[in-house]
Amino acid sequence: PSQQLCIIGDYLSNIEIPMVEHSFGEYLETLRLLGKIAEKYNISRFIIGHGDYISTQKEFKKRWEADIRYVSMFVSGLIEDSVCKRIISEKGFEEENHKIHQKNMDFYSIK
């Protein structure tokens, strides 16, 4: 915290949508907790597992809001194709992200 730096693993990628393999609800809670930590400690730099690191709070908020929006649809049960397509398009690597989205949909169907 003293260096305003946080290593967050495979969250908030600028090239991948969230990959949920355990629980959409817990993934959402993790994102919310990450937002609280970023705010409490005024974190502005984040090292992530896939994609570019985050170097500003503005970039953090942009990625955080997109991932919250995506995962929240699954938690609420109101999955909007147009919103998913827009989020996938914004991340780039559309073919790979469509595959991730389909895996999320399959996982969601099992639950």
C-alpha atoms as a PDB file:
ATOM      1  CA  PRO A   1       0.000   0.000   0.000  1.00  0.00           C
ATOM      2  CA  SER A   2       2.782   2.488   0.731  1.00  0.00           C
ATOM      3  CA  GLN A   3       3.846   2.284  -2.921  1.00  0.00           C
ATOM      4  CA  GLN A   4       0.244   2.439  -4.215  1.00  0.00           C
ATOM      5  CA  LEU A   5       0.843  -0.940  -5.874  1.00  0.00           C
ATOM      6  CA  CYS A   6      -1.302  -4.084  -5.867  1.00  0.00           C
ATOM      7  CA  ILE A   7      -0.687  -7.447  -7.536  1.00  0.00           C
ATOM      8  CA  ILE A   8      -4.122  -8.796  -8.445  1.00  0.00           C
ATOM      9  CA  GLY A   9      -3.509 -11.914 -10.511  1.00  0.00           C
ATOM     10  CA  ASP A  10      -6.054 -12.794 -13.190  1.00  0.00           C
ATOM     11  CA  TYR A  11      -8.485  -9.948 -12.599  1.00  0.00           C
ATOM     12  CA  LEU A  12      -9.168  -6.770 -14.600  1.00  0.00           C
ATOM     13  CA  SER A  13      -7.441  -7.818 -17.796  1.00  0.00           C
ATOM     14  CA  ASN A  14      -7.626  -5.402 -20.683  1.00  0.00           C
ATOM     15  CA  ILE A  15      -7.524  -8.311 -23.152  1.00  0.00           C
ATOM     16  CA  GLU A  16      -9.761 -10.969 -21.524  1.00  0.00           C
ATOM     17  CA  ILE A  17     -13.230 -10.998 -20.110  1.00  0.00           C
ATOM     18  CA  PRO A  18     -13.581 -12.582 -16.662  1.00  0.00           C
ATOM     19  CA  MET A  19     -13.154 -16.360 -16.624  1.00  0.00           C
ATOM     20  CA  VAL A  20     -15.439 -17.714 -13.926  1.00  0.00           C
ATOM     21  CA  GLU A  21     -14.758 -21.286 -12.904  1.00  0.00           C
ATOM     22  CA  HIS A  22     -16.055 -21.400  -9.339  1.00  0.00           C
ATOM     23  CA  SER A  23     -18.809 -18.926  -8.473  1.00  0.00           C
ATOM     24  CA  PHE A  24     -20.136 -15.811 -10.176  1.00  0.00           C
ATOM     25  CA  GLY A  25     -21.217 -14.452  -6.802  1.00  0.00           C
ATOM     26  CA  GLU A  26     -17.786 -14.925  -5.256  1.00  0.00           C
ATOM     27  CA  TYR A  27     -16.086 -13.454  -8.324  1.00  0.00           C
ATOM     28  CA  LEU A  28     -18.310 -10.393  -7.997  1.00  0.00           C
ATOM     29  CA  GLU A  29     -17.513 -10.100  -4.285  1.00  0.00           C
ATOM     30  CA  THR A  30     -13.798 -10.302  -5.076  1.00  0.00           C
ATOM     31  CA  LEU A  31     -14.162  -7.457  -7.575  1.00  0.00           C
ATOM     32  CA  ARG A  32     -16.069  -5.385  -5.028  1.00  0.00           C
ATOM     33  CA  LEU A  33     -13.411  -6.038  -2.375  1.00  0.00           C
ATOM     34  CA  LEU A  34     -10.712  -5.047  -4.840  1.00  0.00           C
ATOM     35  CA  GLY A  35     -12.550  -1.758  -5.424  1.00  0.00           C
ATOM     36  CA  LYS A  36     -12.677  -1.099  -1.677  1.00  0.00           C
ATOM     37  CA  ILE A  37      -8.963  -1.858  -1.279  1.00  0.00           C
ATOM     38  CA  ALA A  38      -8.058   0.398  -4.211  1.00  0.00           C
ATOM     39  CA  GLU A  39     -10.062   3.225  -2.706  1.00  0.00           C
ATOM     40  CA  LYS A  40      -8.949   2.747   0.899  1.00  0.00           C
ATOM     41  CA  TYR A  41      -5.251   2.647   0.049  1.00  0.00           C
ATOM     42  CA  ASN A  42      -5.424   5.006  -2.951  1.00  0.00           C
ATOM     43  CA  ILE A  43      -3.891   2.308  -5.160  1.00  0.00           C
ATOM     44  CA  SER A  44      -3.076   3.525  -8.653  1.00  0.00           C
ATOM     45  CA  ARG A  45      -0.830   0.751 -10.012  1.00  0.00           C
ATOM     46  CA  PHE A  46      -1.927  -2.839 -10.494  1.00  0.00           C
ATOM     47  CA  ILE A  47      -0.002  -5.796 -11.844  1.00  0.00           C
ATOM     48  CA  ILE A  48      -2.262  -8.332 -13.463  1.00  0.00           C
ATOM     49  CA  GLY A  49      -1.845 -11.861 -14.800  1.00  0.00           C
ATOM     50  CA  HIS A  50      -2.980 -11.334 -18.406  1.00  0.00           C
ATOM     51  CA  GLY A  51      -2.663  -8.104 -20.326  1.00  0.00           C
ATOM     52  CA  ASP A  52      -1.212  -4.724 -19.579  1.00  0.00           C
ATOM     53  CA  TYR A  53      -0.592  -3.483 -16.065  1.00  0.00           C
ATOM     54  CA  ILE A  54      -2.771  -0.650 -14.796  1.00  0.00           C
ATOM     55  CA  SER A  55      -0.994   2.607 -14.061  1.00  0.00           C
ATOM     56  CA  THR A  56      -3.844   5.020 -13.285  1.00  0.00           C
ATOM     57  CA  GLN A  57      -6.964   5.011 -11.166  1.00  0.00           C
ATOM     58  CA  LYS A  58      -8.930   6.023 -14.272  1.00  0.00           C
ATOM     59  CA  GLU A  59      -7.843   2.846 -16.093  1.00  0.00           C
ATOM     60  CA  PHE A  60      -8.548   0.778 -12.979  1.00  0.00           C
ATOM     61  CA  LYS A  61     -12.087   2.168 -12.763  1.00  0.00           C
ATOM     62  CA  LYS A  62     -12.736   1.556 -16.470  1.00  0.00           C
ATOM     63  CA  ARG A  63     -11.707  -2.104 -16.292  1.00  0.00           C
ATOM     64  CA  TRP A  64     -13.333  -2.633 -12.899  1.00  0.00           C
ATOM     65  CA  GLU A  65     -16.685  -1.273 -14.060  1.00  0.00           C
ATOM     66  CA  ALA A  66     -16.647  -3.389 -17.234  1.00  0.00           C
ATOM     67  CA  ASP A  67     -15.896  -6.580 -15.308  1.00  0.00           C
ATOM     68  CA  ILE A  68     -18.486  -5.744 -12.623  1.00  0.00           C
ATOM     69  CA  ARG A  69     -21.074  -5.189 -15.378  1.00  0.00           C
ATOM     70  CA  TYR A  70     -20.221  -8.501 -17.055  1.00  0.00           C
ATOM     71  CA  VAL A  71     -20.227 -10.673 -13.913  1.00  0.00           C
ATOM     72  CA  SER A  72     -23.294  -8.928 -12.441  1.00  0.00           C
ATOM     73  CA  MET A  73     -25.387 -10.100 -15.378  1.00  0.00           C
ATOM     74  CA  PHE A  74     -24.750 -13.707 -14.411  1.00  0.00           C
ATOM     75  CA  VAL A  75     -25.448 -13.042 -10.745  1.00  0.00           C
ATOM     76  CA  SER A  76     -28.744 -11.306 -11.567  1.00  0.00           C
ATOM     77  CA  GLY A  77     -29.700 -13.844 -14.231  1.00  0.00           C
ATOM     78  CA  LEU A  78     -30.264 -11.041 -16.748  1.00  0.00           C
ATOM     79  CA  ILE A  79     -27.622 -11.794 -19.360  1.00  0.00           C
ATOM     80  CA  GLU A  80     -27.888  -9.324 -22.234  1.00  0.00           C
ATOM     81  CA  ASP A  81     -26.204 -10.442 -25.449  1.00  0.00           C
ATOM     82  CA  SER A  82     -25.699  -6.867 -26.649  1.00  0.00           C
ATOM     83  CA  VAL A  83     -23.848  -5.928 -23.449  1.00  0.00           C
ATOM     84  CA  CYS A  84     -21.704  -9.076 -23.603  1.00  0.00           C
ATOM     85  CA  LYS A  85     -20.822  -8.394 -27.245  1.00  0.00           C
ATOM     86  CA  ARG A  86     -19.849  -4.802 -26.440  1.00  0.00           C
ATOM     87  CA  ILE A  87     -17.624  -5.855 -23.530  1.00  0.00           C
ATOM     88  CA  ILE A  88     -16.007  -8.587 -25.643  1.00  0.00           C
ATOM     89  CA  SER A  89     -15.443  -6.109 -28.476  1.00  0.00           C
ATOM     90  CA  GLU A  90     -13.840  -3.584 -26.120  1.00  0.00           C
ATOM     91  CA  LYS A  91     -11.368  -6.198 -24.880  1.00  0.00           C
ATOM     92  CA  GLY A  92     -10.277  -7.210 -28.377  1.00  0.00           C
ATOM     93  CA  PHE A  93      -9.200 -10.784 -29.133  1.00  0.00           C
ATOM     94  CA  GLU A  94     -12.850 -11.413 -29.959  1.00  0.00           C
ATOM     95  CA  GLU A  95     -12.521 -15.057 -31.001  1.00  0.00           C
ATOM     96  CA  GLU A  96     -10.803 -16.042 -27.759  1.00  0.00           C
ATOM     97  CA  ASN A  97     -13.146 -13.940 -25.641  1.00  0.00           C
ATOM     98  CA  HIS A  98     -16.188 -15.503 -27.321  1.00  0.00           C
ATOM     99  CA  LYS A  99     -14.786 -18.891 -26.274  1.00  0.00           C
ATOM    100  CA  ILE A 100     -14.350 -17.670 -22.701  1.00  0.00           C
ATOM    101  CA  HIS A 101     -17.871 -16.261 -22.746  1.00  0.00           C
ATOM    102  CA  GLN A 102     -19.251 -19.587 -23.982  1.00  0.00           C
ATOM    103  CA  LYS A 103     -17.436 -21.404 -21.169  1.00  0.00           C
ATOM    104  CA  ASN A 104     -18.947 -18.923 -18.700  1.00  0.00           C
ATOM    105  CA  MET A 105     -22.388 -19.555 -20.221  1.00  0.00           C
ATOM    106  CA  ASP A 106     -21.892 -23.342 -19.988  1.00  0.00           C
ATOM    107  CA  PHE A 107     -20.744 -23.024 -16.386  1.00  0.00           C
ATOM    108  CA  TYR A 108     -23.724 -20.760 -15.624  1.00  0.00           C
ATOM    109  CA  SER A 109     -26.097 -23.357 -17.125  1.00  0.00           C
ATOM    110  CA  ILE A 110     -24.695 -26.066 -14.848  1.00  0.00           C
ATOM    111  CA  LYS A 111     -25.322 -23.987 -11.724  1.00  0.00           C
END
